[in-house]
C-alpha atoms as a PDB file:
ATOM      1  CA  MET A   1       0.000   0.000   0.000  1.00  0.00           C
ATOM      2  CA  ALA A   2       2.809   2.364   0.916  1.00  0.00           C
ATOM      3  CA  ALA A   3       4.575   1.587  -2.354  1.00  0.00           C
ATOM      4  CA  THR A   4       1.401   2.362  -4.304  1.00  0.00           C
ATOM      5  CA  GLU A   5       0.961   5.703  -2.531  1.00  0.00           C
ATOM      6  CA  ARG A   6       4.608   6.497  -3.186  1.00  0.00           C
ATOM      7  CA  SER A   7       4.147   5.720  -6.856  1.00  0.00           C
ATOM      8  CA  ARG A   8       1.130   8.021  -7.062  1.00  0.00           C
ATOM      9  CA  LEU A   9       3.037  10.797  -5.305  1.00  0.00           C
ATOM     10  CA  ASP A  10       5.982  10.446  -7.685  1.00  0.00           C
ATOM     11  CA  LYS A  11       3.630  10.553 -10.660  1.00  0.00           C
ATOM     12  CA  PHE A  12       1.934  13.670  -9.275  1.00  0.00           C
ATOM     13  CA  VAL A  13       5.314  15.374  -8.776  1.00  0.00           C
ATOM     14  CA  TRP A  14       6.319  14.378 -12.316  1.00  0.00           C
ATOM     15  CA  VAL A  15       3.149  15.950 -13.739  1.00  0.00           C
ATOM     16  CA  ILE A  16       3.708  19.143 -11.734  1.00  0.00           C
ATOM     17  CA  GLN A  17       7.311  19.402 -12.921  1.00  0.00           C
ATOM     18  CA  ARG A  18       6.236  19.028 -16.540  1.00  0.00           C
ATOM     19  CA  ALA A  19       3.450  21.588 -16.124  1.00  0.00           C
ATOM     20  CA  ILE A  20       5.595  24.294 -14.483  1.00  0.00           C
ATOM     21  CA  PRO A  21       7.282  25.498 -17.726  1.00  0.00           C
ATOM     22  CA  TRP A  22       3.904  25.855 -19.437  1.00  0.00           C
ATOM     23  CA  VAL A  23       2.406  27.725 -16.496  1.00  0.00           C
ATOM     24  CA  SER A  24       5.482  29.950 -16.394  1.00  0.00           C
ATOM     25  CA  LEU A  25       5.119  30.583 -20.134  1.00  0.00           C
ATOM     26  CA  ALA A  26       1.494  31.667 -19.734  1.00  0.00           C
ATOM     27  CA  VAL A  27       2.283  33.879 -16.739  1.00  0.00           C
ATOM     28  CA  GLY A  28       5.241  35.389 -18.594  1.00  0.00           C
ATOM     29  CA  ILE A  29       3.184  36.322 -21.637  1.00  0.00           C
ATOM     30  CA  LEU A  30       0.422  37.803 -19.474  1.00  0.00           C
ATOM     31  CA  GLY A  31       2.962  39.737 -17.427  1.00  0.00           C
ATOM     32  CA  ALA A  32       4.605  41.145 -20.552  1.00  0.00           C
ATOM     33  CA  ILE A  33       1.222  42.472 -21.728  1.00  0.00           C
ATOM     34  CA  LEU A  34       0.084  43.938 -18.401  1.00  0.00           C
ATOM     35  CA  MET A  35       3.472  45.165 -17.148  1.00  0.00           C
ATOM     36  CA  ASP A  36       3.620  48.710 -15.741  1.00  0.00           C
ATOM     37  CA  ARG A  37       6.294  50.555 -17.704  1.00  0.00           C
ATOM     38  CA  GLY A  38       5.976  53.915 -15.942  1.00  0.00           C
ATOM     39  CA  PRO A  39       9.063  56.094 -15.368  1.00  0.00           C
ATOM     40  CA  SER A  40       9.276  55.156 -11.677  1.00  0.00           C
ATOM     41  CA  ARG A  41       9.651  51.479 -12.571  1.00  0.00           C
ATOM     42  CA  GLY A  42      12.717  52.072 -14.720  1.00  0.00           C
ATOM     43  CA  ALA A  43      15.103  52.552 -11.792  1.00  0.00           C
ATOM     44  CA  ILE A  44      13.708  49.436 -10.088  1.00  0.00           C
ATOM     45  CA  VAL A  45      14.288  47.322 -13.186  1.00  0.00           C
ATOM     46  CA  ALA A  46      17.846  48.687 -13.483  1.00  0.00           C
ATOM     47  CA  ILE A  47      18.555  47.613  -9.898  1.00  0.00           C
ATOM     48  CA  VAL A  48      17.053  44.197 -10.608  1.00  0.00           C
ATOM     49  CA  ALA A  49      19.397  43.879 -13.592  1.00  0.00           C
ATOM     50  CA  LEU A  50      22.446  44.425 -11.391  1.00  0.00           C
ATOM     51  CA  VAL A  51      21.223  42.157  -8.607  1.00  0.00           C
ATOM     52  CA  SER A  52      20.611  39.374 -11.130  1.00  0.00           C
ATOM     53  CA  TRP A  53      24.378  38.937 -11.495  1.00  0.00           C
ATOM     54  CA  ALA A  54      24.661  38.008  -7.819  1.00  0.00           C
ATOM     55  CA  VAL A  55      21.754  35.607  -8.226  1.00  0.00           C
ATOM     56  CA  LEU A  56      23.455  34.025 -11.222  1.00  0.00           C
ATOM     57  CA  MET A  57      26.604  33.405  -9.183  1.00  0.00           C
ATOM     58  CA  ILE A  58      24.466  31.461  -6.720  1.00  0.00           C
ATOM     59  CA  VAL A  59      23.035  29.467  -9.638  1.00  0.00           C
ATOM     60  CA  LEU A  60      26.507  28.414 -10.787  1.00  0.00           C
ATOM     61  CA  TRP A  61      27.545  27.508  -7.258  1.00  0.00           C
ATOM     62  CA  LEU A  62      24.415  25.434  -6.703  1.00  0.00           C
ATOM     63  CA  GLU A  63      24.949  23.784 -10.071  1.00  0.00           C
ATOM     64  CA  ARG A  64      28.295  22.462  -8.839  1.00  0.00           C
ATOM     65  CA  LEU A  65      26.660  21.170  -5.664  1.00  0.00           C
ATOM     66  CA  HIS A  66      23.964  19.609  -7.801  1.00  0.00           C
ATOM     67  CA  GLU A  67      26.548  17.785  -9.955  1.00  0.00           C
ATOM     68  CA  HIS A  68      28.854  16.808  -7.083  1.00  0.00           C
ATOM     69  CA  GLY A  69      26.429  15.943  -4.300  1.00  0.00           C
ATOM     70  CA  GLY A  70      28.312  12.942  -2.952  1.00  0.00           C
ATOM     71  CA  PRO A  71      27.649   9.232  -3.468  1.00  0.00           C
ATOM     72  CA  ASP A  72      23.923   9.600  -2.959  1.00  0.00           C
ATOM     73  CA  GLY A  73      23.620  12.566  -5.316  1.00  0.00           C
ATOM     74  CA  PRO A  74      22.549  16.108  -4.412  1.00  0.00           C
ATOM     75  CA  THR A  75      20.481  16.594  -1.303  1.00  0.00           C
ATOM     76  CA  LYS A  76      16.838  17.586  -1.469  1.00  0.00           C
ATOM     77  CA  VAL A  77      17.750  21.002  -0.045  1.00  0.00           C
ATOM     78  CA  VAL A  78      20.312  21.609  -2.793  1.00  0.00           C
ATOM     79  CA  ARG A  79      17.847  20.550  -5.498  1.00  0.00           C
ATOM     80  CA  THR A  80      15.149  22.823  -4.081  1.00  0.00           C
ATOM     81  CA  MET A  81      17.504  25.801  -3.757  1.00  0.00           C
ATOM     82  CA  ARG A  82      18.826  25.287  -7.265  1.00  0.00           C
ATOM     83  CA  PHE A  83      15.329  25.166  -8.733  1.00  0.00           C
ATOM     84  CA  SER A  84      14.205  28.254  -6.793  1.00  0.00           C
ATOM     85  CA  VAL A  85      17.244  30.344  -7.738  1.00  0.00           C
ATOM     86  CA  LEU A  86      16.991  29.351 -11.396  1.00  0.00           C
ATOM     87  CA  MET A  87      13.334  30.405 -11.425  1.00  0.00           C
ATOM     88  CA  LEU A  88      14.302  33.735  -9.855  1.00  0.00           C
ATOM     89  CA  THR A  89      17.050  34.285 -12.428  1.00  0.00           C
ATOM     90  CA  GLN A  90      14.741  33.437 -15.311  1.00  0.00           C
ATOM     91  CA  SER A  91      12.065  35.785 -13.946  1.00  0.00           C
ATOM     92  CA  SER A  92      14.622  38.583 -13.589  1.00  0.00           C
ATOM     93  CA  ILE A  93      15.826  38.260 -17.190  1.00  0.00           C
ATOM     94  CA  HIS A  94      12.233  38.050 -18.407  1.00  0.00           C
ATOM     95  CA  LEU A  95      11.312  41.212 -16.480  1.00  0.00           C
ATOM     96  CA  GLN A  96      14.256  43.135 -17.893  1.00  0.00           C
ATOM     97  CA  LEU A  97      13.740  42.205 -21.535  1.00  0.00           C
ATOM     98  CA  TYR A  98       9.969  42.681 -21.652  1.00  0.00           C
ATOM     99  CA  PHE A  99      10.137  45.963 -19.754  1.00  0.00           C
ATOM    100  CA  VAL A 100      12.353  47.569 -22.400  1.00  0.00           C
ATOM    101  CA  LEU A 101      11.096  45.755 -25.523  1.00  0.00           C
ATOM    102  CA  PRO A 102       8.332  48.299 -26.398  1.00  0.00           C
ATOM    103  CA  PHE A 103      10.796  51.198 -26.048  1.00  0.00           C
ATOM    104  CA  TYR A 104      13.179  49.584 -28.539  1.00  0.00           C
ATOM    105  CA  PHE A 105      10.344  48.926 -30.983  1.00  0.00           C
ATOM    106  CA  LYS A 106       9.340  52.580 -30.756  1.00  0.00           C
ATOM    107  CA  ALA A 107      12.918  53.751 -31.394  1.00  0.00           C
ATOM    108  CA  PHE A 108      13.451  51.241 -34.236  1.00  0.00           C
ATOM    109  CA  ALA A 109      14.417  53.145 -37.399  1.00  0.00           C
ATOM    110  CA  GLY A 110      14.537  50.295 -39.903  1.00  0.00           C
ATOM    111  CA  THR A 111      18.271  50.177 -40.681  1.00  0.00           C
ATOM    112  CA  PHE A 112      19.964  46.820 -41.264  1.00  0.00           C
ATOM    113  CA  ALA A 113      21.947  47.263 -38.026  1.00  0.00           C
ATOM    114  CA  HIS A 114      18.722  47.931 -36.123  1.00  0.00           C
ATOM    115  CA  VAL A 115      17.163  44.791 -37.643  1.00  0.00           C
ATOM    116  CA  VAL A 116      20.097  42.692 -36.375  1.00  0.00           C
ATOM    117  CA  PHE A 117      19.870  44.191 -32.883  1.00  0.00           C
ATOM    118  CA  MET A 118      16.095  43.766 -32.682  1.00  0.00           C
ATOM    119  CA  GLY A 119      16.445  40.184 -33.868  1.00  0.00           C
ATOM    120  CA  LEU A 120      18.810  39.467 -30.968  1.00  0.00           C
ATOM    121  CA  LEU A 121      16.541  41.270 -28.509  1.00  0.00           C
ATOM    122  CA  CYS A 122      13.376  39.476 -29.637  1.00  0.00           C
ATOM    123  CA  GLY A 123      15.176  36.135 -29.673  1.00  0.00           C
ATOM    124  CA  ALA A 124      16.396  36.658 -26.120  1.00  0.00           C
ATOM    125  CA  ALA A 125      12.920  37.752 -25.002  1.00  0.00           C
ATOM    126  CA  VAL A 126      11.301  34.629 -26.479  1.00  0.00           C
ATOM    127  CA  ALA A 127      13.980  32.397 -24.939  1.00  0.00           C
ATOM    128  CA  SER A 128      13.343  33.905 -21.500  1.00  0.00           C
ATOM    129  CA  LEU A 129       9.741  32.667 -21.629  1.00  0.00           C
ATOM    130  CA  TRP A 130      10.670  28.974 -21.667  1.00  0.00           C
ATOM    131  CA  ASP A 131      12.211  27.831 -18.370  1.00  0.00           C
ATOM    132  CA  PRO A 132      14.006  24.687 -19.653  1.00  0.00           C
ATOM    133  CA  LEU A 133      15.698  26.701 -22.423  1.00  0.00           C
ATOM    134  CA  THR A 134      16.751  29.439 -19.988  1.00  0.00           C
ATOM    135  CA  GLU A 135      18.183  26.853 -17.610  1.00  0.00           C
ATOM    136  CA  TRP A 136      20.075  25.139 -20.416  1.00  0.00           C
ATOM    137  CA  LEU A 137      21.556  28.436 -21.610  1.00  0.00           C
ATOM    138  CA  LEU A 138      22.629  29.564 -18.146  1.00  0.00           C
ATOM    139  CA  VAL A 139      24.170  26.419 -16.704  1.00  0.00           C
ATOM    140  CA  ARG A 140      24.951  24.169 -19.669  1.00  0.00           C
ATOM    141  CA  THR A 141      26.497  26.550 -22.203  1.00  0.00           C
ATOM    142  CA  ARG A 142      29.264  29.121 -21.854  1.00  0.00           C
ATOM    143  CA  VAL A 143      27.649  31.425 -24.415  1.00  0.00           C
ATOM    144  CA  GLY A 144      24.624  31.472 -22.118  1.00  0.00           C
ATOM    145  CA  LEU A 145      26.460  33.934 -19.887  1.00  0.00           C
ATOM    146  CA  LEU A 146      25.893  36.513 -22.616  1.00  0.00           C
ATOM    147  CA  PHE A 147      22.138  36.114 -21.999  1.00  0.00           C
ATOM    148  CA  PRO A 148      21.934  38.067 -18.697  1.00  0.00           C
ATOM    149  CA  ALA A 149      24.720  40.383 -19.865  1.00  0.00           C
ATOM    150  CA  PHE A 150      22.702  41.350 -22.936  1.00  0.00           C
ATOM    151  CA  ALA A 151      19.560  41.853 -20.815  1.00  0.00           C
ATOM    152  CA  THR A 152      21.475  44.126 -18.427  1.00  0.00           C
ATOM    153  CA  PHE A 153      22.912  46.104 -21.343  1.00  0.00           C
ATOM    154  CA  CYS A 154      19.466  46.648 -22.904  1.00  0.00           C
ATOM    155  CA  VAL A 155      17.948  47.797 -19.603  1.00  0.00           C
ATOM    156  CA  MET A 156      20.719  50.278 -18.803  1.00  0.00           C
ATOM    157  CA  ALA A 157      20.688  51.760 -22.310  1.00  0.00           C
ATOM    158  CA  ALA A 158      16.915  52.289 -22.162  1.00  0.00           C
ATOM    159  CA  VAL A 159      16.445  53.429 -18.558  1.00  0.00           C
ATOM    160  CA  LEU A 160      19.417  55.648 -17.738  1.00  0.00           C
ATOM    161  CA  PRO A 161      18.618  58.483 -20.233  1.00  0.00           C
ATOM    162  CA  ALA A 162      15.369  59.176 -18.339  1.00  0.00           C
ATOM    163  CA  LEU A 163      17.502  59.516 -15.177  1.00  0.00           C
ATOM    164  CA  GLY A 164      19.610  62.304 -16.692  1.00  0.00           C
ATOM    165  CA  LEU A 165      22.367  60.533 -18.634  1.00  0.00           C
ATOM    166  CA  SER A 166      22.932  60.962 -22.370  1.00  0.00           C
ATOM    167  CA  THR A 167      22.100  58.030 -24.608  1.00  0.00           C
ATOM    168  CA  GLY A 168      25.784  57.546 -25.385  1.00  0.00           C
ATOM    169  CA  MET A 169      26.724  57.458 -21.702  1.00  0.00           C
ATOM    170  CA  ALA A 170      23.821  55.101 -20.987  1.00  0.00           C
ATOM    171  CA  VAL A 171      25.033  52.669 -23.673  1.00  0.00           C
ATOM    172  CA  TRP A 172      28.545  52.687 -22.221  1.00  0.00           C
ATOM    173  CA  CYS A 173      27.208  52.183 -18.692  1.00  0.00           C
ATOM    174  CA  GLY A 174      25.206  49.222 -19.981  1.00  0.00           C
ATOM    175  CA  ALA A 175      28.322  47.809 -21.611  1.00  0.00           C
ATOM    176  CA  ALA A 176      30.247  48.285 -18.363  1.00  0.00           C
ATOM    177  CA  ALA A 177      27.550  46.582 -16.276  1.00  0.00           C
ATOM    178  CA  GLY A 178      27.395  43.602 -18.619  1.00  0.00           C
ATOM    179  CA  GLY A 179      31.133  43.574 -19.191  1.00  0.00           C
ATOM    180  CA  LEU A 180      32.015  43.590 -15.495  1.00  0.00           C
ATOM    181  CA  GLY A 181      29.504  40.881 -14.685  1.00  0.00           C
ATOM    182  CA  LEU A 182      30.791  38.511 -17.364  1.00  0.00           C
ATOM    183  CA  PRO A 183      34.362  38.073 -16.085  1.00  0.00           C
ATOM    184  CA  VAL A 184      33.078  37.429 -12.562  1.00  0.00           C
ATOM    185  CA  MET A 185      30.946  34.610 -13.954  1.00  0.00           C
ATOM    186  CA  VAL A 186      33.726  33.240 -16.143  1.00  0.00           C
ATOM    187  CA  PHE A 187      36.252  33.422 -13.316  1.00  0.00           C
ATOM    188  CA  ALA A 188      33.924  31.688 -10.871  1.00  0.00           C
ATOM    189  CA  ASP A 189      33.067  29.019 -13.411  1.00  0.00           C
ATOM    190  CA  ARG A 190      36.588  28.333 -14.731  1.00  0.00           C
ATOM    191  CA  LEU A 191      38.656  28.678 -11.562  1.00  0.00           C
ATOM    192  CA  HIS A 192      37.576  25.288 -10.248  1.00  0.00           C
ATOM    193  CA  GLY A 193      40.372  22.895 -11.221  1.00  0.00           C
ATOM    194  CA  ARG A 194      42.087  25.337 -13.606  1.00  0.00           C
ATOM    195  CA  PRO A 195      45.228  27.517 -13.337  1.00  0.00           C
ATOM    196  CA  LEU A 196      44.556  30.941 -11.857  1.00  0.00           C
ATOM    197  CA  ALA A 197      46.369  32.757 -14.678  1.00  0.00           C
ATOM    198  CA  ARG A 198      44.259  31.056 -17.331  1.00  0.00           C
ATOM    199  CA  ALA A 199      41.022  31.966 -15.546  1.00  0.00           C
ATOM    200  CA  LEU A 200      42.136  35.603 -15.201  1.00  0.00           C
ATOM    201  CA  VAL A 201      43.077  35.909 -18.877  1.00  0.00           C
ATOM    202  CA  THR A 202      39.777  34.385 -19.974  1.00  0.00           C
ATOM    203  CA  ALA A 203      37.840  36.741 -17.686  1.00  0.00           C
ATOM    204  CA  LEU A 204      39.712  39.773 -19.036  1.00  0.00           C
ATOM    205  CA  ILE A 205      39.052  38.834 -22.661  1.00  0.00           C
ATOM    206  CA  VAL A 206      35.347  38.328 -22.010  1.00  0.00           C
ATOM    207  CA  ALA A 207      35.141  41.679 -20.169  1.00  0.00           C
ATOM    208  CA  LEU A 208      36.251  43.452 -23.336  1.00  0.00           C
ATOM    209  CA  VAL A 209      33.533  41.950 -25.564  1.00  0.00           C
ATOM    210  CA  PHE A 210      30.976  44.740 -25.122  1.00  0.00           C
ATOM    211  CA  PRO A 211      33.376  47.755 -25.126  1.00  0.00           C
ATOM    212  CA  ALA A 212      35.248  46.413 -28.160  1.00  0.00           C
ATOM    213  CA  ALA A 213      32.005  45.876 -30.063  1.00  0.00           C
ATOM    214  CA  LEU A 214      30.897  49.455 -29.337  1.00  0.00           C
ATOM    215  CA  LEU A 215      34.266  50.893 -30.394  1.00  0.00           C
ATOM    216  CA  LEU A 216      34.078  48.948 -33.651  1.00  0.00           C
ATOM    217  CA  GLY A 217      30.748  50.598 -34.500  1.00  0.00           C
ATOM    218  CA  ALA A 218      28.149  48.346 -32.892  1.00  0.00           C
ATOM    219  CA  ILE A 219      26.763  51.382 -31.053  1.00  0.00           C
ATOM    220  CA  ARG A 220      25.065  52.349 -34.342  1.00  0.00           C
ATOM    221  CA  ALA A 221      23.037  49.146 -34.130  1.00  0.00           C
ATOM    222  CA  VAL A 222      21.467  50.188 -30.811  1.00  0.00           C
ATOM    223  CA  PRO A 223      18.237  52.203 -31.257  1.00  0.00           C
ATOM    224  CA  ALA A 224      18.387  55.553 -29.465  1.00  0.00           C
ATOM    225  CA  VAL A 225      15.962  54.600 -26.701  1.00  0.00           C
ATOM    226  CA  PRO A 226      13.940  56.132 -25.162  1.00  0.00           C
ATOM    227  CA  MET A 227      13.780  58.666 -28.009  1.00  0.00           C
ATOM    228  CA  SER A 228      12.130  58.277 -31.401  1.00  0.00           C
ATOM    229  CA  LEU A 229      11.585  60.377 -34.503  1.00  0.00           C
ATOM    230  CA  MET A 230       7.909  61.282 -34.672  1.00  0.00           C
ATOM    231  CA  HIS A 231       7.937  63.472 -37.774  1.00  0.00           C
ATOM    232  CA  ALA A 232      10.441  64.839 -40.285  1.00  0.00           C
ATOM    233  CA  ALA A 233      10.124  66.873 -43.481  1.00  0.00           C
ATOM    234  CA  ILE A 234      12.366  68.657 -45.991  1.00  0.00           C
ATOM    235  CA  GLY A 235      11.273  71.695 -47.992  1.00  0.00           C
ATOM    236  CA  THR A 236      12.299  75.185 -49.040  1.00  0.00           C
ATOM    237  CA  ARG A 237      10.049  77.239 -46.745  1.00  0.00           C
ATOM    238  CA  ARG A 238       9.102  77.092 -43.092  1.00  0.00           C
ATOM    239  CA  VAL A 239       6.778  78.756 -40.619  1.00  0.00           C
ATOM    240  CA  ASP A 240       8.049  78.523 -37.060  1.00  0.00           C
ATOM    241  CA  TYR A 241       9.155  74.878 -36.695  1.00  0.00           C
ATOM    242  CA  GLU A 242       7.140  73.459 -39.602  1.00  0.00           C
ATOM    243  CA  VAL A 243       8.005  72.980 -43.280  1.00  0.00           C
ATOM    244  CA  VAL A 244       5.091  74.373 -45.313  1.00  0.00           C
ATOM    245  CA  ASN A 245       6.023  72.767 -48.641  1.00  0.00           C
ATOM    246  CA  PRO A 246       7.498  69.315 -47.890  1.00  0.00           C
ATOM    247  CA  THR A 247       8.906  67.595 -50.958  1.00  0.00           C
ATOM    248  CA  ASP A 248      11.133  64.740 -52.053  1.00  0.00           C
ATOM    249  CA  GLN A 249      11.977  66.044 -55.549  1.00  0.00           C
ATOM    250  CA  LEU A 250      13.313  69.381 -56.857  1.00  0.00           C
ATOM    251  CA  ASP A 251      14.273  70.284 -60.428  1.00  0.00           C
ATOM    252  CA  LYS A 252      17.184  72.492 -59.387  1.00  0.00           C
ATOM    253  CA  ALA A 253      19.070  73.566 -56.290  1.00  0.00           C
ATOM    254  CA  PRO A 254      17.064  76.054 -54.179  1.00  0.00           C
ATOM    255  CA  ARG A 255      18.501  78.951 -52.214  1.00  0.00           C
ATOM    256  CA  SER A 256      18.147  76.804 -49.082  1.00  0.00           C
ATOM    257  CA  LEU A 257      16.663  73.589 -47.754  1.00  0.00           C
ATOM    258  CA  VAL A 258      14.911  73.301 -44.401  1.00  0.00           C
ATOM    259  CA  CYS A 259      14.772  70.071 -42.400  1.00  0.00           C
ATOM    260  CA  ALA A 260      12.178  70.121 -39.601  1.00  0.00           C
ATOM    261  CA  THR A 261      11.875  67.289 -37.092  1.00  0.00           C
ATOM    262  CA  ALA A 262       9.748  66.385 -34.082  1.00  0.00           C
ATOM    263  CA  ILE A 263      11.485  64.041 -31.641  1.00  0.00           C
ATOM    264  CA  PHE A 264       9.753  62.161 -28.851  1.00  0.00           C
ATOM    265  CA  ALA A 265      11.581  61.998 -25.540  1.00  0.00           C
ATOM    266  CA  PRO A 266      10.143  61.265 -22.079  1.00  0.00           C
ATOM    267  CA  VAL A 267      10.427  63.589 -19.097  1.00  0.00           C
ATOM    268  CA  GLY A 268      13.971  63.749 -17.752  1.00  0.00           C
ATOM    269  CA  VAL A 269      15.725  63.299 -21.082  1.00  0.00           C
ATOM    270  CA  ARG A 270      18.065  66.104 -22.105  1.00  0.00           C
ATOM    271  CA  GLU A 271      20.062  65.138 -25.165  1.00  0.00           C
ATOM    272  CA  GLY A 272      22.451  66.611 -27.673  1.00  0.00           C
ATOM    273  CA  LEU A 273      21.487  65.479 -31.174  1.00  0.00           C
ATOM    274  CA  LEU A 274      22.687  66.240 -34.682  1.00  0.00           C
ATOM    275  CA  HIS A 275      21.091  67.010 -38.016  1.00  0.00           C
ATOM    276  CA  VAL A 276      23.544  65.275 -40.329  1.00  0.00           C
ATOM    277  CA  TRP A 277      23.264  66.516 -43.924  1.00  0.00           C
ATOM    278  CA  ARG A 278      24.608  64.171 -46.613  1.00  0.00           C
ATOM    279  CA  HIS A 279      25.024  64.499 -50.369  1.00  0.00           C
ATOM    280  CA  ASP A 280      24.958  61.120 -52.117  1.00  0.00           C
ATOM    281  CA  GLY A 281      25.871  59.458 -48.827  1.00  0.00           C
ATOM    282  CA  GLU A 282      28.789  61.744 -47.929  1.00  0.00           C
ATOM    283  CA  VAL A 283      28.524  63.966 -44.844  1.00  0.00           C
ATOM    284  CA  VAL A 284      28.617  67.657 -45.714  1.00  0.00           C
ATOM    285  CA  ASP A 285      27.238  69.241 -42.506  1.00  0.00           C
ATOM    286  CA  ARG A 286      26.686  68.260 -38.874  1.00  0.00           C
ATOM    287  CA  ILE A 287      24.384  70.737 -37.124  1.00  0.00           C
ATOM    288  CA  PRO A 288      24.091  70.337 -33.326  1.00  0.00           C
ATOM    289  CA  LEU A 289      20.684  70.384 -31.616  1.00  0.00           C
ATOM    290  CA  GLU A 290      19.646  70.086 -27.994  1.00  0.00           C
ATOM    291  CA  ILE A 291      16.306  68.607 -26.994  1.00  0.00           C
ATOM    292  CA  LYS A 292      14.391  68.341 -23.734  1.00  0.00           C
ATOM    293  CA  GLY A 293      11.949  65.538 -23.054  1.00  0.00           C
ATOM    294  CA  GLY A 294       8.362  65.702 -21.903  1.00  0.00           C
ATOM    295  CA  ARG A 295       6.831  67.894 -24.583  1.00  0.00           C
ATOM    296  CA  GLU A 296       3.521  66.852 -26.086  1.00  0.00           C
ATOM    297  CA  GLY A 297       3.897  66.216 -29.800  1.00  0.00           C
ATOM    298  CA  GLY A 298       7.668  65.846 -29.440  1.00  0.00           C
ATOM    299  CA  PHE A 299      10.477  68.381 -29.253  1.00  0.00           C
ATOM    300  CA  ARG A 300      10.433  70.334 -32.502  1.00  0.00           C
ATOM    301  CA  THR A 301      13.549  71.742 -34.115  1.00  0.00           C
ATOM    302  CA  TYR A 302      14.959  72.518 -37.557  1.00  0.00           C
ATOM    303  CA  SER A 303      18.155  73.164 -39.479  1.00  0.00           C
ATOM    304  CA  VAL A 304      18.832  75.017 -42.747  1.00  0.00           C
ATOM    305  CA  LYS A 305      21.205  73.991 -45.536  1.00  0.00           C
ATOM    306  CA  HIS A 306      22.437  76.885 -47.743  1.00  0.00           C
ATOM    307  CA  ASN A 307      25.519  75.846 -49.692  1.00  0.00           C
ATOM    308  CA  PHE A 308      25.019  73.063 -52.255  1.00  0.00           C
ATOM    309  CA  GLY A 309      28.389  73.272 -54.025  1.00  0.00           C
ATOM    310  CA  ASP A 310      29.166  73.357 -57.726  1.00  0.00           C
ATOM    311  CA  ALA A 311      27.358  70.064 -58.475  1.00  0.00           C
ATOM    312  CA  PRO A 312      24.186  70.009 -56.363  1.00  0.00           C
ATOM    313  CA  GLN A 313      22.441  67.279 -58.361  1.00  0.00           C
ATOM    314  CA  GLY A 314      21.845  64.037 -56.538  1.00  0.00           C
ATOM    315  CA  GLU A 315      20.344  62.804 -53.289  1.00  0.00           C
ATOM    316  CA  TRP A 316      20.386  65.073 -50.246  1.00  0.00           C
ATOM    317  CA  SER A 317      19.404  63.681 -46.868  1.00  0.00           C
ATOM    318  CA  CYS A 318      18.977  65.048 -43.369  1.00  0.00           C
ATOM    319  CA  ALA A 319      19.386  62.410 -40.657  1.00  0.00           C
ATOM    320  CA  VAL A 320      18.767  62.745 -36.927  1.00  0.00           C
ATOM    321  CA  GLU A 321      21.557  61.083 -34.955  1.00  0.00           C
ATOM    322  CA  THR A 322      22.977  61.148 -31.465  1.00  0.00           C
ATOM    323  CA  GLU A 323      26.494  62.427 -30.895  1.00  0.00           C
ATOM    324  CA  THR A 324      27.696  58.815 -30.740  1.00  0.00           C
ATOM    325  CA  GLY A 325      26.103  57.881 -34.071  1.00  0.00           C
ATOM    326  CA  GLN A 326      22.829  56.255 -32.990  1.00  0.00           C
ATOM    327  CA  PHE A 327      20.316  56.726 -35.787  1.00  0.00           C
ATOM    328  CA  LEU A 328      16.749  57.992 -35.241  1.00  0.00           C
ATOM    329  CA  GLY A 329      15.627  58.493 -38.850  1.00  0.00           C
ATOM    330  CA  GLN A 330      16.002  60.712 -41.911  1.00  0.00           C
ATOM    331  CA  ARG A 331      14.316  62.387 -44.867  1.00  0.00           C
ATOM    332  CA  THR A 332      15.691  62.725 -48.384  1.00  0.00           C
ATOM    333  CA  VAL A 333      15.186  64.942 -51.401  1.00  0.00           C
ATOM    334  CA  ILE A 334      16.443  64.497 -54.962  1.00  0.00           C
ATOM    335  CA  ILE A 335      17.772  67.563 -56.766  1.00  0.00           C
ATOM    336  CA  GLY A 336      17.723  67.235 -60.566  1.00  0.00           C
ATOM    337  CA  SER A 337      16.801  64.074 -62.438  1.00  0.00           C
ATOM    338  CA  PRO A 338      16.127  61.097 -60.123  1.00  0.00           C
END
């Protein structure tokens, strides 16, 4: 009788264990839809992102105890702690990615680099919904350490501008937070049974992944969250901050071209931007702008291009970019035959 009851209990536990990922998936999707993304929550999510590194260290430590639990295997306490901490880590990464995902979609400007970045972000967000996949990435693969690092980077880049930092500084702070967390994980994971020098070198190399990528131009792939280009137009006449005759084709070079833009930015954002004028893809002018967030309809500004050179025919564009090269959008006009 006791054996039969034990068998039923084991079967019940087995069913519960198989159902947990599906329940977590449903709760995760519902939470992503109903999540409060107000300004006050941004700082909380940023703190959660940093704390998640400490939680992940506990995961790796418990994983070793789980694998080396003595002749009788890991204790029930170790198994329970490992499961609980993994669930907490997965929930933290899920919270981070789905909190910032709408902001990145809003700032998405359609460039190839933006498509690559958004593909990585959406892939990570989907992966965070499925507990077994998250567990496998975190404790069974070395590349899985980039998972929480990427989540931390995305949160810092999106949240810190609303707290007073420039978008460029926010991106570098995100890279630092992810970059400093990675070597700690690598060092803790590789030190066991390996030479100290080898673990230190590996940790140092991994720490440079994010900064090196940004220096090599990857910063252009990051949408300029939390800002976005709401409206842009090019014409030859303006009234206040509006172009009154927007066009994309002119027969000959005018006396001047006006580029007017409206840029969304939440309260707290104060950013130096640029109107970058290009002729057939080559930069000919970089006009600095300064915007303040919180204005209904976006912060409106304009720039004027006067000198078109001896051969003005071709494509002229006015792009809105941050000082570090993050792209918000652009408008173009063709002078002469298209």
